[in-house]
Protein backbone atom coordinates (compact mmCIF):
# COMPACT_ATOMS: atom_id res chain seq x y z
CA MET A 1 0.00 0.00 0.00
CA LEU A 2 1.30 3.45 -0.91
CA LYS A 3 1.82 6.03 1.82
CA GLU A 4 1.32 9.72 1.12
CA LYS A 5 4.46 11.84 1.72
CA GLU A 6 6.64 8.70 1.86
CA ASP A 7 5.83 7.25 -1.57
CA TYR A 8 4.13 10.19 -3.28
CA TYR A 9 2.67 13.65 -2.83
CA VAL A 10 -0.13 15.39 -4.71
CA GLU A 11 0.69 18.49 -6.73
CA ASN A 12 -1.96 20.26 -8.80
CA GLY A 13 -4.10 17.12 -8.72
CA PHE A 14 -1.31 14.81 -9.92
CA TRP A 15 0.48 12.14 -7.94
CA VAL A 16 4.24 12.74 -7.89
CA PHE A 17 6.21 9.68 -6.82
CA THR A 18 9.24 10.19 -4.58
CA GLY A 19 12.76 9.01 -5.31
CA GLU A 20 12.48 6.55 -2.42
CA TYR A 21 9.41 4.97 -4.01
CA HIS A 22 11.26 4.58 -7.31
CA LYS A 23 14.27 2.99 -5.62
CA ARG A 24 12.08 0.43 -3.86
CA ARG A 25 10.40 -0.42 -7.17
CA GLY A 26 13.86 -1.27 -8.52
CA PHE A 27 13.75 -0.03 -12.12
CA CYS A 28 12.89 2.97 -14.27
CA CYS A 29 9.45 3.02 -15.90
CA GLY A 30 10.60 5.44 -18.62
CA THR A 31 7.72 7.91 -18.31
CA GLY A 32 9.73 10.98 -17.31
CA CYS A 33 9.20 10.97 -13.55
CA ARG A 34 10.44 14.10 -11.78
CA HIS A 35 12.32 12.19 -9.07
CA CYS A 36 13.74 9.38 -11.22
CA PRO A 37 16.84 8.11 -9.35
CA TYR A 38 18.18 6.01 -12.24
CA SER A 39 20.95 6.62 -14.72
CA PRO A 40 20.40 7.29 -17.53
CA LYS A 41 17.39 9.25 -16.31
CA ASN A 42 13.98 8.20 -17.61
CA LYS A 43 15.24 5.24 -19.68
CA ARG A 44 12.79 2.35 -19.35
CA GLY A 45 14.32 -0.62 -17.56
CA SER A 46 17.34 1.23 -16.10
CA THR A 47 18.42 -0.26 -12.77
CA LEU A 48 21.63 1.70 -12.16
CA LEU A 49 21.13 4.32 -9.44
CA LYS A 50 22.62 7.79 -9.97
CA LYS A 51 25.59 8.73 -7.85
CA ILE A 52 24.68 11.27 -5.19
CA LYS A 53 26.87 14.35 -5.13
CA LYS A 54 28.22 15.05 -1.66
CA ALA A 55 28.11 18.59 -0.36
CA SER A 56 31.53 20.23 -0.43
CA THR A 57 32.87 21.47 2.88
């Protein structure tokens, strides 16, 4: 079951899935999701997660 704020939020009547939801799903759906965590971004079937840039100190 999906949980609001953890898996998605509603913006202008549309469900926007979070990056955490996408990671748990395990692959890219290829539909142009805003928070797609895969590389290359928005390529259907991608399973490689993007590297997270660390904040410079």
